[in-house]
mmCIF file of all heavy atoms, coordinates in Angstrom:
data_MODEL
# 
_entry.id   MODEL 
# 
loop_
_atom_site.group_PDB 
_atom_site.id 
_atom_site.type_symbol 
_atom_site.label_atom_id 
_atom_site.label_alt_id 
_atom_site.label_comp_id 
_atom_site.label_asym_id 
_atom_site.label_entity_id 
_atom_site.label_seq_id 
_atom_site.pdbx_PDB_ins_code 
_atom_site.Cartn_x 
_atom_site.Cartn_y 
_atom_site.Cartn_z 
_atom_site.occupancy 
_atom_site.B_iso_or_equiv 
_atom_site.pdbx_formal_charge 
_atom_site.auth_seq_id 
_atom_site.auth_comp_id 
_atom_site.auth_asym_id 
_atom_site.auth_atom_id 
_atom_site.pdbx_PDB_model_num 
ATOM 1   N N   . SER A 1 1  ? -41.302 49.804 -20.167 1.00 0.00 ? 1  SER A N   1 
ATOM 2   C CA  . SER A 1 1  ? -40.256 48.791 -20.344 1.00 0.00 ? 1  SER A CA  1 
ATOM 3   C C   . SER A 1 1  ? -39.999 48.045 -19.038 1.00 0.00 ? 1  SER A C   1 
ATOM 4   O O   . SER A 1 1  ? -39.781 46.830 -19.032 1.00 0.00 ? 1  SER A O   1 
ATOM 5   C CB  . SER A 1 1  ? -38.965 49.454 -20.830 1.00 0.00 ? 1  SER A CB  1 
ATOM 6   O OG  . SER A 1 1  ? -39.149 50.055 -22.094 1.00 0.00 ? 1  SER A OG  1 
ATOM 7   N N   . LYS A 1 2  ? -40.030 48.775 -17.921 1.00 0.00 ? 2  LYS A N   1 
ATOM 8   C CA  . LYS A 1 2  ? -39.819 48.142 -16.616 1.00 0.00 ? 2  LYS A CA  1 
ATOM 9   C C   . LYS A 1 2  ? -40.899 47.109 -16.336 1.00 0.00 ? 2  LYS A C   1 
ATOM 10  O O   . LYS A 1 2  ? -40.612 46.010 -15.842 1.00 0.00 ? 2  LYS A O   1 
ATOM 11  C CB  . LYS A 1 2  ? -39.803 49.206 -15.521 1.00 0.00 ? 2  LYS A CB  1 
ATOM 12  C CG  . LYS A 1 2  ? -39.501 48.670 -14.135 1.00 0.00 ? 2  LYS A CG  1 
ATOM 13  C CD  . LYS A 1 2  ? -39.409 49.791 -13.116 1.00 0.00 ? 2  LYS A CD  1 
ATOM 14  C CE  . LYS A 1 2  ? -39.056 49.256 -11.726 1.00 0.00 ? 2  LYS A CE  1 
ATOM 15  N NZ  . LYS A 1 2  ? -38.939 50.349 -10.734 1.00 0.00 ? 2  LYS A NZ  1 
ATOM 16  N N   . ARG A 1 3  ? -42.131 47.431 -16.658 1.00 0.00 ? 3  ARG A N   1 
ATOM 17  C CA  . ARG A 1 3  ? -43.236 46.491 -16.438 1.00 0.00 ? 3  ARG A CA  1 
ATOM 18  C C   . ARG A 1 3  ? -43.067 45.251 -17.316 1.00 0.00 ? 3  ARG A C   1 
ATOM 19  O O   . ARG A 1 3  ? -43.347 44.124 -16.880 1.00 0.00 ? 3  ARG A O   1 
ATOM 20  C CB  . ARG A 1 3  ? -44.566 47.183 -16.731 1.00 0.00 ? 3  ARG A CB  1 
ATOM 21  C CG  . ARG A 1 3  ? -45.792 46.345 -16.372 1.00 0.00 ? 3  ARG A CG  1 
ATOM 22  C CD  . ARG A 1 3  ? -47.052 47.175 -16.521 1.00 0.00 ? 3  ARG A CD  1 
ATOM 23  N NE  . ARG A 1 3  ? -48.245 46.396 -16.264 1.00 0.00 ? 3  ARG A NE  1 
ATOM 24  C CZ  . ARG A 1 3  ? -48.756 46.168 -15.064 1.00 0.00 ? 3  ARG A CZ  1 
ATOM 25  N NH1 . ARG A 1 3  ? -48.159 46.667 -13.993 1.00 0.00 ? 3  ARG A NH1 1 
ATOM 26  N NH2 . ARG A 1 3  ? -49.856 45.460 -14.921 1.00 0.00 ? 3  ARG A NH2 1 
ATOM 27  N N   . LEU A 1 4  ? -42.593 45.444 -18.542 1.00 0.00 ? 4  LEU A N   1 
ATOM 28  C CA  . LEU A 1 4  ? -42.356 44.313 -19.437 1.00 0.00 ? 4  LEU A CA  1 
ATOM 29  C C   . LEU A 1 4  ? -41.293 43.385 -18.857 1.00 0.00 ? 4  LEU A C   1 
ATOM 30  O O   . LEU A 1 4  ? -41.429 42.158 -18.916 1.00 0.00 ? 4  LEU A O   1 
ATOM 31  C CB  . LEU A 1 4  ? -41.936 44.813 -20.818 1.00 0.00 ? 4  LEU A CB  1 
ATOM 32  C CG  . LEU A 1 4  ? -41.567 43.737 -21.846 1.00 0.00 ? 4  LEU A CG  1 
ATOM 33  C CD1 . LEU A 1 4  ? -42.748 42.801 -22.115 1.00 0.00 ? 4  LEU A CD1 1 
ATOM 34  C CD2 . LEU A 1 4  ? -41.091 44.380 -23.143 1.00 0.00 ? 4  LEU A CD2 1 
ATOM 35  N N   . VAL A 1 5  ? -40.235 43.954 -18.294 1.00 0.00 ? 5  VAL A N   1 
ATOM 36  C CA  . VAL A 1 5  ? -39.177 43.141 -17.692 1.00 0.00 ? 5  VAL A CA  1 
ATOM 37  C C   . VAL A 1 5  ? -39.741 42.305 -16.539 1.00 0.00 ? 5  VAL A C   1 
ATOM 38  O O   . VAL A 1 5  ? -39.388 41.135 -16.372 1.00 0.00 ? 5  VAL A O   1 
ATOM 39  C CB  . VAL A 1 5  ? -38.024 44.029 -17.211 1.00 0.00 ? 5  VAL A CB  1 
ATOM 40  C CG1 . VAL A 1 5  ? -37.036 43.227 -16.366 1.00 0.00 ? 5  VAL A CG1 1 
ATOM 41  C CG2 . VAL A 1 5  ? -37.302 44.656 -18.402 1.00 0.00 ? 5  VAL A CG2 1 
ATOM 42  N N   . HIS A 1 6  ? -40.646 42.882 -15.759 1.00 0.00 ? 6  HIS A N   1 
ATOM 43  C CA  . HIS A 1 6  ? -41.258 42.122 -14.670 1.00 0.00 ? 6  HIS A CA  1 
ATOM 44  C C   . HIS A 1 6  ? -42.138 40.995 -15.215 1.00 0.00 ? 6  HIS A C   1 
ATOM 45  O O   . HIS A 1 6  ? -42.210 39.913 -14.617 1.00 0.00 ? 6  HIS A O   1 
ATOM 46  C CB  . HIS A 1 6  ? -42.060 43.053 -13.762 1.00 0.00 ? 6  HIS A CB  1 
ATOM 47  C CG  . HIS A 1 6  ? -41.194 43.818 -12.815 1.00 0.00 ? 6  HIS A CG  1 
ATOM 48  N ND1 . HIS A 1 6  ? -41.350 43.781 -11.453 1.00 0.00 ? 6  HIS A ND1 1 
ATOM 49  C CD2 . HIS A 1 6  ? -40.144 44.642 -13.046 1.00 0.00 ? 6  HIS A CD2 1 
ATOM 50  C CE1 . HIS A 1 6  ? -40.435 44.542 -10.873 1.00 0.00 ? 6  HIS A CE1 1 
ATOM 51  N NE2 . HIS A 1 6  ? -39.693 45.085 -11.830 1.00 0.00 ? 6  HIS A NE2 1 
ATOM 52  N N   . LYS A 1 7  ? -42.784 41.236 -16.334 1.00 0.00 ? 7  LYS A N   1 
ATOM 53  C CA  . LYS A 1 7  ? -43.532 40.163 -16.992 1.00 0.00 ? 7  LYS A CA  1 
ATOM 54  C C   . LYS A 1 7  ? -42.595 39.018 -17.362 1.00 0.00 ? 7  LYS A C   1 
ATOM 55  O O   . LYS A 1 7  ? -42.920 37.842 -17.146 1.00 0.00 ? 7  LYS A O   1 
ATOM 56  C CB  . LYS A 1 7  ? -44.235 40.690 -18.243 1.00 0.00 ? 7  LYS A CB  1 
ATOM 57  C CG  . LYS A 1 7  ? -44.991 39.636 -19.039 1.00 0.00 ? 7  LYS A CG  1 
ATOM 58  C CD  . LYS A 1 7  ? -45.659 40.254 -20.256 1.00 0.00 ? 7  LYS A CD  1 
ATOM 59  C CE  . LYS A 1 7  ? -46.459 39.224 -21.049 1.00 0.00 ? 7  LYS A CE  1 
ATOM 60  N NZ  . LYS A 1 7  ? -45.592 38.204 -21.672 1.00 0.00 ? 7  LYS A NZ  1 
ATOM 61  N N   . TRP A 1 8  ? -41.439 39.347 -17.908 1.00 0.00 ? 8  TRP A N   1 
ATOM 62  C CA  . TRP A 1 8  ? -40.458 38.314 -18.251 1.00 0.00 ? 8  TRP A CA  1 
ATOM 63  C C   . TRP A 1 8  ? -40.030 37.527 -17.021 1.00 0.00 ? 8  TRP A C   1 
ATOM 64  O O   . TRP A 1 8  ? -39.830 36.310 -17.097 1.00 0.00 ? 8  TRP A O   1 
ATOM 65  C CB  . TRP A 1 8  ? -39.225 38.949 -18.888 1.00 0.00 ? 8  TRP A CB  1 
ATOM 66  C CG  . TRP A 1 8  ? -39.461 39.562 -20.227 1.00 0.00 ? 8  TRP A CG  1 
ATOM 67  C CD1 . TRP A 1 8  ? -40.520 39.344 -21.068 1.00 0.00 ? 8  TRP A CD1 1 
ATOM 68  C CD2 . TRP A 1 8  ? -38.615 40.511 -20.898 1.00 0.00 ? 8  TRP A CD2 1 
ATOM 69  N NE1 . TRP A 1 8  ? -40.375 40.108 -22.215 1.00 0.00 ? 8  TRP A NE1 1 
ATOM 70  C CE2 . TRP A 1 8  ? -39.225 40.822 -22.129 1.00 0.00 ? 8  TRP A CE2 1 
ATOM 71  C CE3 . TRP A 1 8  ? -37.415 41.132 -20.558 1.00 0.00 ? 8  TRP A CE3 1 
ATOM 72  C CZ2 . TRP A 1 8  ? -38.661 41.718 -23.033 1.00 0.00 ? 8  TRP A CZ2 1 
ATOM 73  C CZ3 . TRP A 1 8  ? -36.843 42.021 -21.453 1.00 0.00 ? 8  TRP A CZ3 1 
ATOM 74  C CH2 . TRP A 1 8  ? -37.461 42.306 -22.691 1.00 0.00 ? 8  TRP A CH2 1 
ATOM 75  N N   . ARG A 1 9  ? -39.878 38.216 -15.899 1.00 0.00 ? 9  ARG A N   1 
ATOM 76  C CA  . ARG A 1 9  ? -39.445 37.525 -14.678 1.00 0.00 ? 9  ARG A CA  1 
ATOM 77  C C   . ARG A 1 9  ? -40.436 36.437 -14.263 1.00 0.00 ? 9  ARG A C   1 
ATOM 78  O O   . ARG A 1 9  ? -40.047 35.442 -13.643 1.00 0.00 ? 9  ARG A O   1 
ATOM 79  C CB  . ARG A 1 9  ? -39.273 38.529 -13.540 1.00 0.00 ? 9  ARG A CB  1 
ATOM 80  C CG  . ARG A 1 9  ? -38.066 39.435 -13.709 1.00 0.00 ? 9  ARG A CG  1 
ATOM 81  C CD  . ARG A 1 9  ? -37.966 40.444 -12.579 1.00 0.00 ? 9  ARG A CD  1 
ATOM 82  N NE  . ARG A 1 9  ? -36.816 41.323 -12.719 1.00 0.00 ? 9  ARG A NE  1 
ATOM 83  C CZ  . ARG A 1 9  ? -36.514 42.318 -11.888 1.00 0.00 ? 9  ARG A CZ  1 
ATOM 84  N NH1 . ARG A 1 9  ? -37.305 42.555 -10.839 1.00 0.00 ? 9  ARG A NH1 1 
ATOM 85  N NH2 . ARG A 1 9  ? -35.451 43.061 -12.093 1.00 0.00 ? 9  ARG A NH2 1 
ATOM 86  N N   . GLY A 1 10 ? -41.700 36.622 -14.591 1.00 0.00 ? 10 GLY A N   1 
ATOM 87  C CA  . GLY A 1 10 ? -42.694 35.607 -14.283 1.00 0.00 ? 10 GLY A CA  1 
ATOM 88  C C   . GLY A 1 10 ? -42.702 34.449 -15.254 1.00 0.00 ? 10 GLY A C   1 
ATOM 89  O O   . GLY A 1 10 ? -43.430 33.477 -15.045 1.00 0.00 ? 10 GLY A O   1 
ATOM 90  N N   . GLU A 1 11 ? -41.894 34.532 -16.314 1.00 0.00 ? 11 GLU A N   1 
ATOM 91  C CA  . GLU A 1 11 ? -41.878 33.508 -17.356 1.00 0.00 ? 11 GLU A CA  1 
ATOM 92  C C   . GLU A 1 11 ? -40.595 32.690 -17.371 1.00 0.00 ? 11 GLU A C   1 
ATOM 93  O O   . GLU A 1 11 ? -40.463 31.779 -18.183 1.00 0.00 ? 11 GLU A O   1 
ATOM 94  C CB  . GLU A 1 11 ? -42.068 34.169 -18.723 1.00 0.00 ? 11 GLU A CB  1 
ATOM 95  C CG  . GLU A 1 11 ? -43.392 34.897 -18.861 1.00 0.00 ? 11 GLU A CG  1 
ATOM 96  C CD  . GLU A 1 11 ? -43.482 35.729 -20.135 1.00 0.00 ? 11 GLU A CD  1 
ATOM 97  O OE1 . GLU A 1 11 ? -42.456 35.880 -20.839 1.00 0.00 ? 11 GLU A OE1 1 
ATOM 98  O OE2 . GLU A 1 11 ? -44.588 36.211 -20.433 1.00 0.00 ? 11 GLU A OE2 1 
ATOM 99  N N   . ILE A 1 12 ? -39.647 33.042 -16.486 1.00 0.00 ? 12 ILE A N   1 
ATOM 100 C CA  . ILE A 1 12 ? -38.360 32.349 -16.461 1.00 0.00 ? 12 ILE A CA  1 
ATOM 101 C C   . ILE A 1 12 ? -38.214 31.617 -15.130 1.00 0.00 ? 12 ILE A C   1 
ATOM 102 O O   . ILE A 1 12 ? -39.060 31.724 -14.242 1.00 0.00 ? 12 ILE A O   1 
ATOM 103 C CB  . ILE A 1 12 ? -37.192 33.335 -16.705 1.00 0.00 ? 12 ILE A CB  1 
ATOM 104 C CG1 . ILE A 1 12 ? -37.287 34.537 -15.748 1.00 0.00 ? 12 ILE A CG1 1 
ATOM 105 C CG2 . ILE A 1 12 ? -37.231 33.848 -18.129 1.00 0.00 ? 12 ILE A CG2 1 
ATOM 106 C CD1 . ILE A 1 12 ? -36.262 34.572 -14.702 1.00 0.00 ? 12 ILE A CD1 1 
ATOM 107 N N   . ASP A 1 13 ? -37.130 30.851 -14.995 1.00 0.00 ? 13 ASP A N   1 
ATOM 108 C CA  . ASP A 1 13 ? -36.943 30.045 -13.789 1.00 0.00 ? 13 ASP A CA  1 
ATOM 109 C C   . ASP A 1 13 ? -35.966 30.652 -12.800 1.00 0.00 ? 13 ASP A C   1 
ATOM 110 O O   . ASP A 1 13 ? -36.079 30.445 -11.596 1.00 0.00 ? 13 ASP A O   1 
ATOM 111 C CB  . ASP A 1 13 ? -36.447 28.639 -14.170 1.00 0.00 ? 13 ASP A CB  1 
ATOM 112 C CG  . ASP A 1 13 ? -37.429 27.897 -15.040 1.00 0.00 ? 13 ASP A CG  1 
ATOM 113 O OD1 . ASP A 1 13 ? -38.621 27.897 -14.697 1.00 0.00 ? 13 ASP A OD1 1 
ATOM 114 O OD2 . ASP A 1 13 ? -37.022 27.330 -16.066 1.00 0.00 ? 13 ASP A OD2 1 
ATOM 115 N N   . ALA A 1 14 ? -34.961 31.359 -13.319 1.00 0.00 ? 14 ALA A N   1 
ATOM 116 C CA  . ALA A 1 14 ? -33.933 31.912 -12.446 1.00 0.00 ? 14 ALA A CA  1 
ATOM 117 C C   . ALA A 1 14 ? -33.404 33.202 -13.051 1.00 0.00 ? 14 ALA A C   1 
ATOM 118 O O   . ALA A 1 14 ? -33.427 33.385 -14.271 1.00 0.00 ? 14 ALA A O   1 
ATOM 119 C CB  . ALA A 1 14 ? -32.798 30.910 -12.258 1.00 0.00 ? 14 ALA A CB  1 
ATOM 120 N N   . ILE A 1 15 ? -32.917 34.094 -12.171 1.00 0.00 ? 15 ILE A N   1 
ATOM 121 C CA  . ILE A 1 15 ? -32.425 35.397 -12.610 1.00 0.00 ? 15 ILE A CA  1 
ATOM 122 C C   . ILE A 1 15 ? -31.094 35.660 -11.903 1.00 0.00 ? 15 ILE A C   1 
ATOM 123 O O   . ILE A 1 15 ? -30.975 35.459 -10.695 1.00 0.00 ? 15 ILE A O   1 
ATOM 124 C CB  . ILE A 1 15 ? -33.461 36.496 -12.317 1.00 0.00 ? 15 ILE A CB  1 
ATOM 125 C CG1 . ILE A 1 15 ? -33.010 37.844 -12.849 1.00 0.00 ? 15 ILE A CG1 1 
ATOM 126 C CG2 . ILE A 1 15 ? -33.811 36.574 -10.855 1.00 0.00 ? 15 ILE A CG2 1 
ATOM 127 C CD1 . ILE A 1 15 ? -34.119 38.895 -12.835 1.00 0.00 ? 15 ILE A CD1 1 
ATOM 128 N N   . LEU A 1 16 ? -30.089 36.100 -12.658 1.00 0.00 ? 16 LEU A N   1 
ATOM 129 C CA  . LEU A 1 16 ? -28.718 36.192 -12.155 1.00 0.00 ? 16 LEU A CA  1 
ATOM 130 C C   . LEU A 1 16 ? -28.161 37.602 -12.287 1.00 0.00 ? 16 LEU A C   1 
ATOM 131 O O   . LEU A 1 16 ? -28.318 38.243 -13.329 1.00 0.00 ? 16 LEU A O   1 
ATOM 132 C CB  . LEU A 1 16 ? -27.820 35.216 -12.934 1.00 0.00 ? 16 LEU A CB  1 
ATOM 133 C CG  . LEU A 1 16 ? -26.319 35.269 -12.661 1.00 0.00 ? 16 LEU A CG  1 
ATOM 134 C CD1 . LEU A 1 16 ? -26.002 34.790 -11.238 1.00 0.00 ? 16 LEU A CD1 1 
ATOM 135 C CD2 . LEU A 1 16 ? -25.565 34.414 -13.682 1.00 0.00 ? 16 LEU A CD2 1 
ATOM 136 N N   . VAL A 1 17 ? -27.471 38.055 -11.230 1.00 0.00 ? 17 VAL A N   1 
ATOM 137 C CA  . VAL A 1 17 ? -26.710 39.305 -11.279 1.00 0.00 ? 17 VAL A CA  1 
ATOM 138 C C   . VAL A 1 17 ? -25.339 39.057 -10.659 1.00 0.00 ? 17 VAL A C   1 
ATOM 139 O O   . VAL A 1 17 ? -25.130 38.089 -9.914  1.00 0.00 ? 17 VAL A O   1 
ATOM 140 C CB  . VAL A 1 17 ? -27.408 40.461 -10.531 1.00 0.00 ? 17 VAL A CB  1 
ATOM 141 C CG1 . VAL A 1 17 ? -28.699 40.852 -11.215 1.00 0.00 ? 17 VAL A CG1 1 
ATOM 142 C CG2 . VAL A 1 17 ? -27.641 40.115 -9.068  1.00 0.00 ? 17 VAL A CG2 1 
ATOM 143 N N   . GLY A 1 18 ? -24.405 39.977 -10.964 1.00 0.00 ? 18 GLY A N   1 
ATOM 144 C CA  . GLY A 1 18 ? -23.070 39.902 -10.399 1.00 0.00 ? 18 GLY A CA  1 
ATOM 145 C C   . GLY A 1 18 ? -22.950 40.712 -9.116  1.00 0.00 ? 18 GLY A C   1 
ATOM 146 O O   . GLY A 1 18 ? -23.896 41.384 -8.685  1.00 0.00 ? 18 GLY A O   1 
ATOM 147 N N   . THR A 1 19 ? -21.777 40.678 -8.517  1.00 0.00 ? 19 THR A N   1 
ATOM 148 C CA  . THR A 1 19 ? -21.540 41.344 -7.241  1.00 0.00 ? 19 THR A CA  1 
ATOM 149 C C   . THR A 1 19 ? -21.756 42.849 -7.334  1.00 0.00 ? 19 THR A C   1 
ATOM 150 O O   . THR A 1 19 ? -22.431 43.450 -6.478  1.00 0.00 ? 19 THR A O   1 
ATOM 151 C CB  . THR A 1 19 ? -20.108 41.052 -6.754  1.00 0.00 ? 19 THR A CB  1 
ATOM 152 O OG1 . THR A 1 19 ? -19.880 39.652 -6.748  1.00 0.00 ? 19 THR A OG1 1 
ATOM 153 C CG2 . THR A 1 19 ? -19.896 41.603 -5.350  1.00 0.00 ? 19 THR A CG2 1 
ATOM 154 N N   . GLN A 1 20 ? -21.177 43.488 -8.356  1.00 0.00 ? 20 GLN A N   1 
ATOM 155 C CA  . GLN A 1 20 ? -21.265 44.937 -8.459  1.00 0.00 ? 20 GLN A CA  1 
ATOM 156 C C   . GLN A 1 20 ? -22.706 45.407 -8.647  1.00 0.00 ? 20 GLN A C   1 
ATOM 157 O O   . GLN A 1 20 ? -23.128 46.397 -8.068  1.00 0.00 ? 20 GLN A O   1 
ATOM 158 C CB  . GLN A 1 20 ? -20.395 45.439 -9.617  1.00 0.00 ? 20 GLN A CB  1 
ATOM 159 C CG  . GLN A 1 20 ? -18.906 45.438 -9.311  1.00 0.00 ? 20 GLN A CG  1 
ATOM 160 C CD  . GLN A 1 20 ? -18.573 46.341 -8.133  1.00 0.00 ? 20 GLN A CD  1 
ATOM 161 O OE1 . GLN A 1 20 ? -18.202 45.874 -7.058  1.00 0.00 ? 20 GLN A OE1 1 
ATOM 162 N NE2 . GLN A 1 20 ? -18.715 47.655 -8.315  1.00 0.00 ? 20 GLN A NE2 1 
ATOM 163 N N   . THR A 1 21 ? -23.453 44.699 -9.466  1.00 0.00 ? 21 THR A N   1 
ATOM 164 C CA  . THR A 1 21 ? -24.861 45.058 -9.666  1.00 0.00 ? 21 THR A CA  1 
ATOM 165 C C   . THR A 1 21 ? -25.635 44.948 -8.360  1.00 0.00 ? 21 THR A C   1 
ATOM 166 O O   . THR A 1 21 ? -26.463 45.803 -8.031  1.00 0.00 ? 21 THR A O   1 
ATOM 167 C CB  . THR A 1 21 ? -25.490 44.168 -10.743 1.00 0.00 ? 21 THR A CB  1 
ATOM 168 O OG1 . THR A 1 21 ? -24.812 44.379 -11.985 1.00 0.00 ? 21 THR A OG1 1 
ATOM 169 C CG2 . THR A 1 21 ? -26.969 44.474 -10.923 1.00 0.00 ? 21 THR A CG2 1 
ATOM 170 N N   . ALA A 1 22 ? -25.374 43.892 -7.605  1.00 0.00 ? 22 ALA A N   1 
ATOM 171 C CA  . ALA A 1 22 ? -26.050 43.725 -6.312  1.00 0.00 ? 22 ALA A CA  1 
ATOM 172 C C   . ALA A 1 22 ? -25.698 44.861 -5.358  1.00 0.00 ? 22 ALA A C   1 
ATOM 173 O O   . ALA A 1 22 ? -26.560 45.376 -4.639  1.00 0.00 ? 22 ALA A O   1 
ATOM 174 C CB  . ALA A 1 22 ? -25.676 42.377 -5.707  1.00 0.00 ? 22 ALA A CB  1 
ATOM 175 N N   . LEU A 1 23 ? -24.432 45.283 -5.348  1.00 0.00 ? 23 LEU A N   1 
ATOM 176 C CA  . LEU A 1 23 ? -23.986 46.344 -4.449  1.00 0.00 ? 23 LEU A CA  1 
ATOM 177 C C   . LEU A 1 23 ? -24.546 47.709 -4.839  1.00 0.00 ? 23 LEU A C   1 
ATOM 178 O O   . LEU A 1 23 ? -25.028 48.467 -3.997  1.00 0.00 ? 23 LEU A O   1 
ATOM 179 C CB  . LEU A 1 23 ? -22.457 46.408 -4.435  1.00 0.00 ? 23 LEU A CB  1 
ATOM 180 C CG  . LEU A 1 23 ? -21.732 45.358 -3.591  1.00 0.00 ? 23 LEU A CG  1 
ATOM 181 C CD1 . LEU A 1 23 ? -20.234 45.411 -3.858  1.00 0.00 ? 23 LEU A CD1 1 
ATOM 182 C CD2 . LEU A 1 23 ? -22.018 45.555 -2.108  1.00 0.00 ? 23 LEU A CD2 1 
ATOM 183 N N   . ILE A 1 24 ? -24.468 48.023 -6.142  1.00 0.00 ? 24 ILE A N   1 
ATOM 184 C CA  . ILE A 1 24 ? -24.833 49.365 -6.603  1.00 0.00 ? 24 ILE A CA  1 
ATOM 185 C C   . ILE A 1 24 ? -26.342 49.529 -6.742  1.00 0.00 ? 24 ILE A C   1 
ATOM 186 O O   . ILE A 1 24 ? -26.936 50.508 -6.274  1.00 0.00 ? 24 ILE A O   1 
ATOM 187 C CB  . ILE A 1 24 ? -24.131 49.683 -7.936  1.00 0.00 ? 24 ILE A CB  1 
ATOM 188 C CG1 . ILE A 1 24 ? -22.612 49.727 -7.719  1.00 0.00 ? 24 ILE A CG1 1 
ATOM 189 C CG2 . ILE A 1 24 ? -24.626 51.006 -8.522  1.00 0.00 ? 24 ILE A CG2 1 
ATOM 190 C CD1 . ILE A 1 24 ? -21.820 49.814 -9.003  1.00 0.00 ? 24 ILE A CD1 1 
# 
């Protein structure tokens, strides 16, 4: 599943996270 998510990252333009996710 992790590899699939990385495949998706190569197919989109931007990826967003919030403050807590970035910290933790």
